[in-house]
Amino acid sequence: IGSILTIAACGLCFAYSNSSALIVCFGFLTTCASNVFSNAYHVYQSEIFPASVRSTAIGSTYSLSRIVSGILPFVLLPILSHQGAGAMFGIIAAALFTVAVTVRALGPRTTRRNQDEINPV
């Protein structure tokens, strides 16, 4: 959740930066937070699904994320062209905030818990 919110905040700062140094700084921080999120997301996925459906569930969610990644440029590029970087990153930040709230509200806690506790049979 922390990395998701960091991506949103740094992405907005990136969009509204008006100096080269800030653009590079916030671009770097956004990329770093995105890499942390990607790794944490894949670890979390492997913990929340029961072993009997884990490969199917992870494969399905990953496939869906790739499909959405393919569609997003067609949605976001017109917004970038007509409203600018701030609007585009604002939409991304809102989506990331929604993800953070959803994971916090619905995602099971996995820290210091074994698979049987997270996924009772």
PDB file of N, CA and C in Angstrom:
ATOM      1  N   ILE A   1       0.838  -1.185   0.000  1.00  0.00           N
ATOM      2  CA  ILE A   1       0.000   0.000   0.000  1.00  0.00           C
ATOM      3  C   ILE A   1       0.881   1.245   0.000  1.00  0.00           C
ATOM      4  N   GLY A   2       1.962   1.179   0.750  1.00  0.00           N
ATOM      5  CA  GLY A   2       2.878   2.315   0.788  1.00  0.00           C
ATOM      6  C   GLY A   2       3.481   2.617  -0.570  1.00  0.00           C
ATOM      7  N   SER A   3       3.863   1.572  -1.295  1.00  0.00           N
ATOM      8  CA  SER A   3       4.453   1.796  -2.617  1.00  0.00           C
ATOM      9  C   SER A   3       3.414   2.327  -3.605  1.00  0.00           C
ATOM     10  N   ILE A   4       2.173   1.881  -3.474  1.00  0.00           N
ATOM     11  CA  ILE A   4       1.110   2.376  -4.354  1.00  0.00           C
ATOM     12  C   ILE A   4       0.915   3.878  -4.140  1.00  0.00           C
ATOM     13  N   LEU A   5       0.836   4.280  -2.885  1.00  0.00           N
ATOM     14  CA  LEU A   5       0.632   5.695  -2.580  1.00  0.00           C
ATOM     15  C   LEU A   5       1.856   6.527  -2.954  1.00  0.00           C
ATOM     16  N   THR A   6       3.037   5.937  -2.848  1.00  0.00           N
ATOM     17  CA  THR A   6       4.260   6.636  -3.259  1.00  0.00           C
ATOM     18  C   THR A   6       4.277   6.859  -4.772  1.00  0.00           C
ATOM     19  N   ILE A   7       3.857   5.853  -5.524  1.00  0.00           N
ATOM     20  CA  ILE A   7       3.764   6.018  -6.982  1.00  0.00           C
ATOM     21  C   ILE A   7       2.820   7.166  -7.315  1.00  0.00           C
ATOM     22  N   ALA A   8       1.658   7.194  -6.659  1.00  0.00           N
ATOM     23  CA  ALA A   8       0.669   8.242  -6.925  1.00  0.00           C
ATOM     24  C   ALA A   8       1.237   9.624  -6.599  1.00  0.00           C
ATOM     25  N   ALA A   9       1.836   9.761  -5.433  1.00  0.00           N
ATOM     26  CA  ALA A   9       2.366  11.070  -5.012  1.00  0.00           C
ATOM     27  C   ALA A   9       3.527  11.518  -5.900  1.00  0.00           C
ATOM     28  N   CYS A  10       4.468  10.635  -6.136  1.00  0.00           N
ATOM     29  CA  CYS A  10       5.625  11.004  -6.971  1.00  0.00           C
ATOM     30  C   CYS A  10       5.228  11.237  -8.420  1.00  0.00           C
ATOM     31  N   GLY A  11       4.243  10.485  -8.903  1.00  0.00           N
ATOM     32  CA  GLY A  11       3.751  10.698 -10.260  1.00  0.00           C
ATOM     33  C   GLY A  11       3.109  12.064 -10.410  1.00  0.00           C
ATOM     34  N   LEU A  12       2.338  12.489  -9.420  1.00  0.00           N
ATOM     35  CA  LEU A  12       1.739  13.826  -9.467  1.00  0.00           C
ATOM     36  C   LEU A  12       2.815  14.900  -9.394  1.00  0.00           C
ATOM     37  N   CYS A  13       3.808  14.700  -8.518  1.00  0.00           N
ATOM     38  CA  CYS A  13       4.915  15.658  -8.439  1.00  0.00           C
ATOM     39  C   CYS A  13       5.677  15.716  -9.764  1.00  0.00           C
ATOM     40  N   PHE A  14       5.869  14.567 -10.393  1.00  0.00           N
ATOM     41  CA  PHE A  14       6.513  14.503 -11.706  1.00  0.00           C
ATOM     42  C   PHE A  14       5.728  15.328 -12.732  1.00  0.00           C
ATOM     43  N   ALA A  15       4.407  15.153 -12.734  1.00  0.00           N
ATOM     44  CA  ALA A  15       3.559  15.835 -13.712  1.00  0.00           C
ATOM     45  C   ALA A  15       3.598  17.345 -13.556  1.00  0.00           C
ATOM     46  N   TYR A  16       3.724  17.815 -12.324  1.00  0.00           N
ATOM     47  CA  TYR A  16       3.678  19.253 -12.078  1.00  0.00           C
ATOM     48  C   TYR A  16       5.060  19.885 -11.903  1.00  0.00           C
ATOM     49  N   SER A  17       6.122  19.111 -12.084  1.00  0.00           N
ATOM     50  CA  SER A  17       7.475  19.656 -11.967  1.00  0.00           C
ATOM     51  C   SER A  17       7.784  20.543 -13.160  1.00  0.00           C
ATOM     52  N   ASN A  18       8.524  21.625 -12.886  1.00  0.00           N
ATOM     53  CA  ASN A  18       8.857  22.527 -13.983  1.00  0.00           C
ATOM     54  C   ASN A  18      10.361  22.762 -14.117  1.00  0.00           C
ATOM     55  N   SER A  19      11.141  21.919 -13.466  1.00  0.00           N
ATOM     56  CA  SER A  19      12.597  21.997 -13.662  1.00  0.00           C
ATOM     57  C   SER A  19      13.118  20.610 -14.003  1.00  0.00           C
ATOM     58  N   SER A  20      14.192  20.583 -14.751  1.00  0.00           N
ATOM     59  CA  SER A  20      14.770  19.304 -15.170  1.00  0.00           C
ATOM     60  C   SER A  20      15.160  18.438 -13.981  1.00  0.00           C
ATOM     61  N   ALA A  21      15.728  19.062 -12.956  1.00  0.00           N
ATOM     62  CA  ALA A  21      16.166  18.304 -11.781  1.00  0.00           C
ATOM     63  C   ALA A  21      14.990  17.624 -11.083  1.00  0.00           C
ATOM     64  N   LEU A  22      13.872  18.342 -10.935  1.00  0.00           N
ATOM     65  CA  LEU A  22      12.690  17.750 -10.293  1.00  0.00           C
ATOM     66  C   LEU A  22      12.065  16.666 -11.157  1.00  0.00           C
ATOM     67  N   ILE A  23      12.037  16.882 -12.458  1.00  0.00           N
ATOM     68  CA  ILE A  23      11.487  15.866 -13.364  1.00  0.00           C
ATOM     69  C   ILE A  23      12.289  14.569 -13.244  1.00  0.00           C
ATOM     70  N   VAL A  24      13.617  14.676 -13.257  1.00  0.00           N
ATOM     71  CA  VAL A  24      14.465  13.488 -13.127  1.00  0.00           C
ATOM     72  C   VAL A  24      14.284  12.860 -11.750  1.00  0.00           C
ATOM     73  N   CYS A  25      14.257  13.673 -10.705  1.00  0.00           N
ATOM     74  CA  CYS A  25      14.116  13.157  -9.336  1.00  0.00           C
ATOM     75  C   CYS A  25      12.801  12.406  -9.158  1.00  0.00           C
ATOM     76  N   PHE A  26      11.681  13.049  -9.521  1.00  0.00           N
ATOM     77  CA  PHE A  26      10.382  12.397  -9.331  1.00  0.00           C
ATOM     78  C   PHE A  26      10.151  11.255 -10.319  1.00  0.00           C
ATOM     79  N   GLY A  27      10.734  11.331 -11.498  1.00  0.00           N
ATOM     80  CA  GLY A  27      10.665  10.207 -12.424  1.00  0.00           C
ATOM     81  C   GLY A  27      11.394   8.997 -11.861  1.00  0.00           C
ATOM     82  N   PHE A  28      12.574   9.240 -11.287  1.00  0.00           N
ATOM     83  CA  PHE A  28      13.351   8.169 -10.654  1.00  0.00           C
ATOM     84  C   PHE A  28      12.582   7.568  -9.480  1.00  0.00           C
ATOM     85  N   LEU A  29      12.019   8.419  -8.618  1.00  0.00           N
ATOM     86  CA  LEU A  29      11.283   7.928  -7.447  1.00  0.00           C
ATOM     87  C   LEU A  29      10.022   7.167  -7.851  1.00  0.00           C
ATOM     88  N   THR A  30       9.339   7.641  -8.883  1.00  0.00           N
ATOM     89  CA  THR A  30       8.152   6.927  -9.378  1.00  0.00           C
ATOM     90  C   THR A  30       8.536   5.542  -9.887  1.00  0.00           C
ATOM     91  N   THR A  31       9.625   5.468 -10.630  1.00  0.00           N
ATOM     92  CA  THR A  31      10.090   4.181 -11.166  1.00  0.00           C
ATOM     93  C   THR A  31      10.517   3.243 -10.038  1.00  0.00           C
ATOM     94  N   CYS A  32      11.235   3.754  -9.056  1.00  0.00           N
ATOM     95  CA  CYS A  32      11.658   2.920  -7.920  1.00  0.00           C
ATOM     96  C   CYS A  32      10.450   2.381  -7.159  1.00  0.00           C
ATOM     97  N   ALA A  33       9.490   3.254  -6.868  1.00  0.00           N
ATOM     98  CA  ALA A  33       8.290   2.824  -6.146  1.00  0.00           C
ATOM     99  C   ALA A  33       7.508   1.809  -6.967  1.00  0.00           C
ATOM    100  N   SER A  34       7.466   1.992  -8.279  1.00  0.00           N
ATOM    101  CA  SER A  34       6.773   1.050  -9.161  1.00  0.00           C
ATOM    102  C   SER A  34       7.439  -0.326  -9.137  1.00  0.00           C
ATOM    103  N   ASN A  35       8.755  -0.347  -9.112  1.00  0.00           N
ATOM    104  CA  ASN A  35       9.472  -1.625  -9.038  1.00  0.00           C
ATOM    105  C   ASN A  35       9.235  -2.323  -7.698  1.00  0.00           C
ATOM    106  N   VAL A  36       9.222  -1.556  -6.616  1.00  0.00           N
ATOM    107  CA  VAL A  36       8.921  -2.137  -5.299  1.00  0.00           C
ATOM    108  C   VAL A  36       7.507  -2.696  -5.299  1.00  0.00           C
ATOM    109  N   PHE A  37       6.556  -1.920  -5.835  1.00  0.00           N
ATOM    110  CA  PHE A  37       5.176  -2.385  -5.889  1.00  0.00           C
ATOM    111  C   PHE A  37       5.047  -3.671  -6.695  1.00  0.00           C
ATOM    112  N   SER A  38       5.690  -3.719  -7.851  1.00  0.00           N
ATOM    113  CA  SER A  38       5.600  -4.904  -8.700  1.00  0.00           C
ATOM    114  C   SER A  38       6.086  -6.154  -7.972  1.00  0.00           C
ATOM    115  N   ASN A  39       7.218  -6.055  -7.311  1.00  0.00           N
ATOM    116  CA  ASN A  39       7.747  -7.206  -6.569  1.00  0.00           C
ATOM    117  C   ASN A  39       6.850  -7.577  -5.400  1.00  0.00           C
ATOM    118  N   ALA A  40       6.402  -6.586  -4.637  1.00  0.00           N
ATOM    119  CA  ALA A  40       5.542  -6.865  -3.480  1.00  0.00           C
ATOM    120  C   ALA A  40       4.210  -7.453  -3.927  1.00  0.00           C
ATOM    121  N   TYR A  41       3.683  -6.960  -5.031  1.00  0.00           N
ATOM    122  CA  TYR A  41       2.408  -7.439  -5.553  1.00  0.00           C
ATOM    123  C   TYR A  41       2.482  -8.921  -5.905  1.00  0.00           C
ATOM    124  N   HIS A  42       3.567  -9.330  -6.559  1.00  0.00           N
ATOM    125  CA  HIS A  42       3.690 -10.730  -6.948  1.00  0.00           C
ATOM    126  C   HIS A  42       3.886 -11.636  -5.729  1.00  0.00           C
ATOM    127  N   VAL A  43       4.594 -11.181  -4.743  1.00  0.00           N
ATOM    128  CA  VAL A  43       4.748 -11.961  -3.510  1.00  0.00           C
ATOM    129  C   VAL A  43       3.404 -12.062  -2.795  1.00  0.00           C
ATOM    130  N   TYR A  44       2.700 -10.950  -2.696  1.00  0.00           N
ATOM    131  CA  TYR A  44       1.393 -10.942  -2.025  1.00  0.00           C
ATOM    132  C   TYR A  44       0.413 -11.863  -2.733  1.00  0.00           C
ATOM    133  N   GLN A  45       0.405 -11.830  -4.059  1.00  0.00           N
ATOM    134  CA  GLN A  45      -0.483 -12.720  -4.825  1.00  0.00           C
ATOM    135  C   GLN A  45      -0.240 -14.176  -4.474  1.00  0.00           C
ATOM    136  N   SER A  46       1.021 -14.551  -4.379  1.00  0.00           N
ATOM    137  CA  SER A  46       1.316 -15.957  -4.109  1.00  0.00           C
ATOM    138  C   SER A  46       0.913 -16.360  -2.699  1.00  0.00           C
ATOM    139  N   GLU A  47       0.743 -15.389  -1.810  1.00  0.00           N
ATOM    140  CA  GLU A  47       0.347 -15.705  -0.443  1.00  0.00           C
ATOM    141  C   GLU A  47      -1.162 -15.780  -0.261  1.00  0.00           C
ATOM    142  N   ILE A  48      -1.929 -15.027  -1.035  1.00  0.00           N
ATOM    143  CA  ILE A  48      -3.363 -14.939  -0.753  1.00  0.00           C
ATOM    144  C   ILE A  48      -4.207 -16.008  -1.431  1.00  0.00           C
ATOM    145  N   PHE A  49      -3.672 -16.658  -2.459  1.00  0.00           N
ATOM    146  CA  PHE A  49      -4.455 -17.683  -3.137  1.00  0.00           C
ATOM    147  C   PHE A  49      -4.118 -19.059  -2.575  1.00  0.00           C
ATOM    148  N   PRO A  50      -5.129 -19.911  -2.362  1.00  0.00           N
ATOM    149  CA  PRO A  50      -4.865 -21.274  -1.911  1.00  0.00           C
ATOM    150  C   PRO A  50      -4.048 -22.042  -2.955  1.00  0.00           C
ATOM    151  N   ALA A  51      -3.267 -22.986  -2.504  1.00  0.00           N
ATOM    152  CA  ALA A  51      -2.375 -23.733  -3.393  1.00  0.00           C
ATOM    153  C   ALA A  51      -3.124 -24.416  -4.537  1.00  0.00           C
ATOM    154  N   SER A  52      -4.345 -24.856  -4.298  1.00  0.00           N
ATOM    155  CA  SER A  52      -5.088 -25.602  -5.313  1.00  0.00           C
ATOM    156  C   SER A  52      -5.467 -24.745  -6.527  1.00  0.00           C
ATOM    157  N   VAL A  53      -5.550 -23.435  -6.368  1.00  0.00           N
ATOM    158  CA  VAL A  53      -5.922 -22.558  -7.479  1.00  0.00           C
ATOM    159  C   VAL A  53      -4.879 -21.473  -7.750  1.00  0.00           C
ATOM    160  N   ARG A  54      -3.761 -21.540  -7.068  1.00  0.00           N
ATOM    161  CA  ARG A  54      -2.776 -20.455  -7.122  1.00  0.00           C
ATOM    162  C   ARG A  54      -2.295 -20.153  -8.537  1.00  0.00           C
ATOM    163  N   SER A  55      -1.868 -21.155  -9.277  1.00  0.00           N
ATOM    164  CA  SER A  55      -1.310 -20.889 -10.609  1.00  0.00           C
ATOM    165  C   SER A  55      -2.364 -20.318 -11.549  1.00  0.00           C
ATOM    166  N   THR A  56      -3.588 -20.831 -11.493  1.00  0.00           N
ATOM    167  CA  THR A  56      -4.664 -20.313 -12.336  1.00  0.00           C
ATOM    168  C   THR A  56      -5.027 -18.886 -11.930  1.00  0.00           C
ATOM    169  N   ALA A  57      -5.133 -18.647 -10.642  1.00  0.00           N
ATOM    170  CA  ALA A  57      -5.515 -17.318 -10.160  1.00  0.00           C
ATOM    171  C   ALA A  57      -4.445 -16.283 -10.488  1.00  0.00           C
ATOM    172  N   ILE A  58      -3.190 -16.598 -10.256  1.00  0.00           N
ATOM    173  CA  ILE A  58      -2.110 -15.660 -10.538  1.00  0.00           C
ATOM    174  C   ILE A  58      -1.984 -15.437 -12.045  1.00  0.00           C
ATOM    175  N   GLY A  59      -2.074 -16.497 -12.825  1.00  0.00           N
ATOM    176  CA  GLY A  59      -2.010 -16.363 -14.281  1.00  0.00           C
ATOM    177  C   GLY A  59      -3.153 -15.523 -14.830  1.00  0.00           C
ATOM    178  N   SER A  60      -4.343 -15.708 -14.291  1.00  0.00           N
ATOM    179  CA  SER A  60      -5.507 -14.940 -14.751  1.00  0.00           C
ATOM    180  C   SER A  60      -5.369 -13.464 -14.404  1.00  0.00           C
ATOM    181  N   THR A  61      -4.959 -13.171 -13.171  1.00  0.00           N
ATOM    182  CA  THR A  61      -4.818 -11.768 -12.789  1.00  0.00           C
ATOM    183  C   THR A  61      -3.678 -11.100 -13.558  1.00  0.00           C
ATOM    184  N   TYR A  62      -2.602 -11.827 -13.805  1.00  0.00           N
ATOM    185  CA  TYR A  62      -1.493 -11.250 -14.569  1.00  0.00           C
ATOM    186  C   TYR A  62      -1.916 -10.998 -16.014  1.00  0.00           C
ATOM    187  N   SER A  63      -2.659 -11.933 -16.598  1.00  0.00           N
ATOM    188  CA  SER A  63      -3.149 -11.751 -17.969  1.00  0.00           C
ATOM    189  C   SER A  63      -4.074 -10.543 -18.055  1.00  0.00           C
ATOM    190  N   LEU A  64      -4.950 -10.397 -17.087  1.00  0.00           N
ATOM    191  CA  LEU A  64      -5.847  -9.250 -17.060  1.00  0.00           C
ATOM    192  C   LEU A  64      -5.054  -7.945 -16.950  1.00  0.00           C
ATOM    193  N   SER A  65      -4.006  -7.936 -16.144  1.00  0.00           N
ATOM    194  CA  SER A  65      -3.195  -6.723 -16.003  1.00  0.00           C
ATOM    195  C   SER A  65      -2.487  -6.383 -17.315  1.00  0.00           C
ATOM    196  N   ARG A  66      -2.060  -7.383 -18.077  1.00  0.00           N
ATOM    197  CA  ARG A  66      -1.415  -7.129 -19.375  1.00  0.00           C
ATOM    198  C   ARG A  66      -2.419  -6.591 -20.386  1.00  0.00           C
ATOM    199  N   ILE A  67      -3.646  -7.106 -20.359  1.00  0.00           N
ATOM    200  CA  ILE A  67      -4.692  -6.615 -21.257  1.00  0.00           C
ATOM    201  C   ILE A  67      -4.991  -5.149 -20.949  1.00  0.00           C
ATOM    202  N   VAL A  68      -5.145  -4.833 -19.674  1.00  0.00           N
ATOM    203  CA  VAL A  68      -5.411  -3.446 -19.273  1.00  0.00           C
ATOM    204  C   VAL A  68      -4.237  -2.549 -19.652  1.00  0.00           C
ATOM    205  N   SER A  69      -3.013  -3.041 -19.485  1.00  0.00           N
ATOM    206  CA  SER A  69      -1.833  -2.259 -19.878  1.00  0.00           C
ATOM    207  C   SER A  69      -1.819  -1.974 -21.373  1.00  0.00           C
ATOM    208  N   GLY A  70      -2.353  -2.863 -22.153  1.00  0.00           N
ATOM    209  CA  GLY A  70      -2.441  -2.644 -23.598  1.00  0.00           C
ATOM    210  C   GLY A  70      -3.517  -1.647 -23.980  1.00  0.00           C
ATOM    211  N   ILE A  71      -4.567  -1.564 -23.192  1.00  0.00           N
ATOM    212  CA  ILE A  71      -5.685  -0.664 -23.476  1.00  0.00           C
ATOM    213  C   ILE A  71      -5.422   0.753 -22.946  1.00  0.00           C
ATOM    214  N   LEU A  72      -4.726   0.862 -21.826  1.00  0.00           N
ATOM    215  CA  LEU A  72      -4.536   2.163 -21.175  1.00  0.00           C
ATOM    216  C   LEU A  72      -3.964   3.267 -22.058  1.00  0.00           C
ATOM    217  N   PRO A  73      -2.994   3.004 -22.920  1.00  0.00           N
ATOM    218  CA  PRO A  73      -2.511   4.107 -23.755  1.00  0.00           C
ATOM    219  C   PRO A  73      -3.609   4.748 -24.609  1.00  0.00           C
ATOM    220  N   PHE A  74      -4.563   3.945 -25.060  1.00  0.00           N
ATOM    221  CA  PHE A  74      -5.650   4.478 -25.878  1.00  0.00           C
ATOM    222  C   PHE A  74      -6.593   5.363 -25.057  1.00  0.00           C
ATOM    223  N   VAL A  75      -6.619   5.145 -23.749  1.00  0.00           N
ATOM    224  CA  VAL A  75      -7.438   5.964 -22.857  1.00  0.00           C
ATOM    225  C   VAL A  75      -6.663   7.181 -22.367  1.00  0.00           C
ATOM    226  N   LEU A  76      -5.415   6.962 -21.972  1.00  0.00           N
ATOM    227  CA  LEU A  76      -4.650   8.031 -21.320  1.00  0.00           C
ATOM    228  C   LEU A  76      -3.995   9.014 -22.290  1.00  0.00           C
ATOM    229  N   LEU A  77      -3.583   8.569 -23.459  1.00  0.00           N
ATOM    230  CA  LEU A  77      -2.920   9.490 -24.393  1.00  0.00           C
ATOM    231  C   LEU A  77      -3.835  10.629 -24.868  1.00  0.00           C
ATOM    232  N   PRO A  78      -5.102  10.374 -25.153  1.00  0.00           N
ATOM    233  CA  PRO A  78      -5.970  11.507 -25.486  1.00  0.00           C
ATOM    234  C   PRO A  78      -6.120  12.500 -24.318  1.00  0.00           C
ATOM    235  N   ILE A  79      -6.160  11.982 -23.110  1.00  0.00           N
ATOM    236  CA  ILE A  79      -6.237  12.864 -21.940  1.00  0.00           C
ATOM    237  C   ILE A  79      -4.959  13.689 -21.831  1.00  0.00           C
ATOM    238  N   LEU A  80      -3.817  13.058 -22.031  1.00  0.00           N
ATOM    239  CA  LEU A  80      -2.540  13.773 -22.015  1.00  0.00           C
ATOM    240  C   LEU A  80      -2.519  14.863 -23.081  1.00  0.00           C
ATOM    241  N   SER A  81      -2.992  14.553 -24.265  1.00  0.00           N
ATOM    242  CA  SER A  81      -2.993  15.515 -25.378  1.00  0.00           C
ATOM    243  C   SER A  81      -3.923  16.701 -25.134  1.00  0.00           C
ATOM    244  N   HIS A  82      -5.095  16.432 -24.559  1.00  0.00           N
ATOM    245  CA  HIS A  82      -6.104  17.486 -24.423  1.00  0.00           C
ATOM    246  C   HIS A  82      -6.066  18.212 -23.078  1.00  0.00           C
ATOM    247  N   GLN A  83      -5.760  17.501 -21.991  1.00  0.00           N
ATOM    248  CA  GLN A  83      -5.781  18.127 -20.675  1.00  0.00           C
ATOM    249  C   GLN A  83      -4.396  18.284 -20.041  1.00  0.00           C
ATOM    250  N   GLY A  84      -3.404  17.580 -20.542  1.00  0.00           N
ATOM    251  CA  GLY A  84      -2.054  17.709 -20.021  1.00  0.00           C
ATOM    252  C   GLY A  84      -1.658  16.611 -19.049  1.00  0.00           C
ATOM    253  N   ALA A  85      -0.396  16.677 -18.638  1.00  0.00           N
ATOM    254  CA  ALA A  85       0.178  15.642 -17.771  1.00  0.00           C
ATOM    255  C   ALA A  85      -0.484  15.603 -16.398  1.00  0.00           C
ATOM    256  N   GLY A  86      -0.847  16.760 -15.866  1.00  0.00           N
ATOM    257  CA  GLY A  86      -1.480  16.797 -14.549  1.00  0.00           C
ATOM    258  C   GLY A  86      -2.775  16.014 -14.510  1.00  0.00           C
ATOM    259  N   ALA A  87      -3.611  16.170 -15.531  1.00  0.00           N
ATOM    260  CA  ALA A  87      -4.881  15.440 -15.585  1.00  0.00           C
ATOM    261  C   ALA A  87      -4.642  13.941 -15.739  1.00  0.00           C
ATOM    262  N   MET A  88      -3.695  13.590 -16.608  1.00  0.00           N
ATOM    263  CA  MET A  88      -3.412  12.178 -16.821  1.00  0.00           C
ATOM    264  C   MET A  88      -2.902  11.530 -15.535  1.00  0.00           C
ATOM    265  N   PHE A  89      -1.926  12.167 -14.887  1.00  0.00           N
ATOM    266  CA  PHE A  89      -1.407  11.600 -13.649  1.00  0.00           C
ATOM    267  C   PHE A  89      -2.434  11.678 -12.520  1.00  0.00           C
ATOM    268  N   GLY A  90      -3.350  12.637 -12.593  1.00  0.00           N
ATOM    269  CA  GLY A  90      -4.437  12.693 -11.616  1.00  0.00           C
ATOM    270  C   GLY A  90      -5.343  11.476 -11.724  1.00  0.00           C
ATOM    271  N   ILE A  91      -5.650  11.064 -12.935  1.00  0.00           N
ATOM    272  CA  ILE A  91      -6.463   9.857 -13.142  1.00  0.00           C
ATOM    273  C   ILE A  91      -5.716   8.626 -12.643  1.00  0.00           C
ATOM    274  N   ILE A  92      -4.434   8.556 -12.958  1.00  0.00           N
ATOM    275  CA  ILE A  92      -3.623   7.431 -12.487  1.00  0.00           C
ATOM    276  C   ILE A  92      -3.557   7.416 -10.963  1.00  0.00           C
ATOM    277  N   ALA A  93      -3.355   8.582 -10.358  1.00  0.00           N
ATOM    278  CA  ALA A  93      -3.290   8.677  -8.894  1.00  0.00           C
ATOM    279  C   ALA A  93      -4.615   8.253  -8.259  1.00  0.00           C
ATOM    280  N   ALA A  94      -5.737   8.660  -8.861  1.00  0.00           N
ATOM    281  CA  ALA A  94      -7.050   8.257  -8.339  1.00  0.00           C
ATOM    282  C   ALA A  94      -7.227   6.740  -8.425  1.00  0.00           C
ATOM    283  N   ALA A  95      -6.795   6.150  -9.531  1.00  0.00           N
ATOM    284  CA  ALA A  95      -6.888   4.692  -9.677  1.00  0.00           C
ATOM    285  C   ALA A  95      -5.998   3.991  -8.654  1.00  0.00           C
ATOM    286  N   LEU A  96      -4.789   4.507  -8.450  1.00  0.00           N
ATOM    287  CA  LEU A  96      -3.880   3.904  -7.474  1.00  0.00           C
ATOM    288  C   LEU A  96      -4.427   4.049  -6.054  1.00  0.00           C
ATOM    289  N   PHE A  97      -5.030   5.182  -5.742  1.00  0.00           N
ATOM    290  CA  PHE A  97      -5.639   5.375  -4.429  1.00  0.00           C
ATOM    291  C   PHE A  97      -6.772   4.366  -4.224  1.00  0.00           C
ATOM    292  N   THR A  98      -7.567   4.132  -5.269  1.00  0.00           N
ATOM    293  CA  THR A  98      -8.646   3.144  -5.201  1.00  0.00           C
ATOM    294  C   THR A  98      -8.081   1.753  -4.927  1.00  0.00           C
ATOM    295  N   VAL A  99      -6.972   1.418  -5.584  1.00  0.00           N
ATOM    296  CA  VAL A  99      -6.320   0.123  -5.350  1.00  0.00           C
ATOM    297  C   VAL A  99      -5.851   0.024  -3.902  1.00  0.00           C
ATOM    298  N   ALA A 100      -5.227   1.077  -3.389  1.00  0.00           N
ATOM    299  CA  ALA A 100      -4.724   1.063  -2.015  1.00  0.00           C
ATOM    300  C   ALA A 100      -5.861   0.867  -1.014  1.00  0.00           C
ATOM    301  N   VAL A 101      -6.966   1.573  -1.202  1.00  0.00           N
ATOM    302  CA  VAL A 101      -8.110   1.443  -0.300  1.00  0.00           C
ATOM    303  C   VAL A 101      -8.704   0.037  -0.394  1.00  0.00           C
ATOM    304  N   THR A 102      -8.808  -0.481  -1.616  1.00  0.00           N
ATOM    305  CA  THR A 102      -9.375  -1.818  -1.812  1.00  0.00           C
ATOM    306  C   THR A 102      -8.514  -2.894  -1.167  1.00  0.00           C
ATOM    307  N   VAL A 103      -7.198  -2.813  -1.363  1.00  0.00           N
ATOM    308  CA  VAL A 103      -6.305  -3.809  -0.758  1.00  0.00           C
ATOM    309  C   VAL A 103      -6.378  -3.719   0.757  1.00  0.00           C
ATOM    310  N   ARG A 104      -6.414  -2.505   1.284  1.00  0.00           N
ATOM    311  CA  ARG A 104      -6.488  -2.337   2.739  1.00  0.00           C
ATOM    312  C   ARG A 104      -7.794  -2.881   3.297  1.00  0.00           C
ATOM    313  N   ALA A 105      -8.895  -2.627   2.590  1.00  0.00           N
ATOM    314  CA  ALA A 105     -10.209  -3.048   3.082  1.00  0.00           C
ATOM    315  C   ALA A 105     -10.477  -4.529   2.868  1.00  0.00           C
ATOM    316  N   LEU A 106     -10.055  -5.078   1.731  1.00  0.00           N
ATOM    317  CA  LEU A 106     -10.437  -6.443   1.379  1.00  0.00           C
ATOM    318  C   LEU A 106      -9.289  -7.451   1.399  1.00  0.00           C
ATOM    319  N   GLY A 107      -8.066  -6.982   1.303  1.00  0.00           N
ATOM    320  CA  GLY A 107      -6.932  -7.892   1.238  1.00  0.00           C
ATOM    321  C   GLY A 107      -6.602  -8.489   2.601  1.00  0.00           C
ATOM    322  N   PRO A 108      -6.404  -9.794   2.639  1.00  0.00           N
ATOM    323  CA  PRO A 108      -6.065 -10.411   3.924  1.00  0.00           C
ATOM    324  C   PRO A 108      -4.663 -10.015   4.379  1.00  0.00           C
ATOM    325  N   ARG A 109      -4.495  -9.891   5.680  1.00  0.00           N
ATOM    326  CA  ARG A 109      -3.174  -9.622   6.242  1.00  0.00           C
ATOM    327  C   ARG A 109      -2.369 -10.921   6.158  1.00  0.00           C
ATOM    328  N   THR A 110      -1.129 -10.848   5.702  1.00  0.00           N
ATOM    329  CA  THR A 110      -0.322 -12.055   5.522  1.00  0.00           C
ATOM    330  C   THR A 110       0.944 -12.070   6.375  1.00  0.00           C
ATOM    331  N   THR A 111       1.282 -10.947   6.985  1.00  0.00           N
ATOM    332  CA  THR A 111       2.521 -10.868   7.756  1.00  0.00           C
ATOM    333  C   THR A 111       2.493 -11.831   8.935  1.00  0.00           C
ATOM    334  N   ARG A 112       3.549 -12.639   9.022  1.00  0.00           N
ATOM    335  CA  ARG A 112       3.739 -13.625  10.099  1.00  0.00           C
ATOM    336  C   ARG A 112       2.588 -14.639  10.204  1.00  0.00           C
ATOM    337  N   ARG A 113       1.960 -14.925   9.066  1.00  0.00           N
ATOM    338  CA  ARG A 113       0.896 -15.934   9.038  1.00  0.00           C
ATOM    339  C   ARG A 113       1.270 -16.992   8.016  1.00  0.00           C
ATOM    340  N   ASN A 114       0.964 -18.253   8.322  1.00  0.00           N
ATOM    341  CA  ASN A 114       1.250 -19.305   7.352  1.00  0.00           C
ATOM    342  C   ASN A 114       0.062 -19.480   6.422  1.00  0.00           C
ATOM    343  N   GLN A 115       0.264 -20.270   5.378  1.00  0.00           N
ATOM    344  CA  GLN A 115      -0.763 -20.460   4.349  1.00  0.00           C
ATOM    345  C   GLN A 115      -2.072 -20.980   4.915  1.00  0.00           C
ATOM    346  N   ASP A 116      -2.009 -21.849   5.910  1.00  0.00           N
ATOM    347  CA  ASP A 116      -3.233 -22.415   6.475  1.00  0.00           C
ATOM    348  C   ASP A 116      -4.071 -21.368   7.204  1.00  0.00           C
ATOM    349  N   GLU A 117      -3.426 -20.382   7.795  1.00  0.00           N
ATOM    350  CA  GLU A 117      -4.152 -19.311   8.463  1.00  0.00           C
ATOM    351  C   GLU A 117      -4.800 -18.362   7.447  1.00  0.00           C
ATOM    352  N   ILE A 118      -4.077 -18.084   6.368  1.00  0.00           N
ATOM    353  CA  ILE A 118      -4.581 -17.146   5.359  1.00  0.00           C
ATOM    354  C   ILE A 118      -5.680 -17.786   4.529  1.00  0.00           C
ATOM    355  N   ASN A 119      -5.524 -19.045   4.189  1.00  0.00           N
ATOM    356  CA  ASN A 119      -6.468 -19.780   3.351  1.00  0.00           C
ATOM    357  C   ASN A 119      -6.926 -21.050   4.040  1.00  0.00           C
ATOM    358  N   PRO A 120      -7.835 -20.959   4.999  1.00  0.00           N
ATOM    359  CA  PRO A 120      -8.292 -22.186   5.657  1.00  0.00           C
ATOM    360  C   PRO A 120      -9.026 -23.094   4.684  1.00  0.00           C
ATOM    361  N   VAL A 121      -8.783 -24.376   4.794  1.00  0.00           N
ATOM    362  CA  VAL A 121      -9.407 -25.355   3.892  1.00  0.00           C
ATOM    363  C   VAL A 121     -10.801 -25.677   4.328  1.00  0.00           C
TER     364      VAL A 121
END
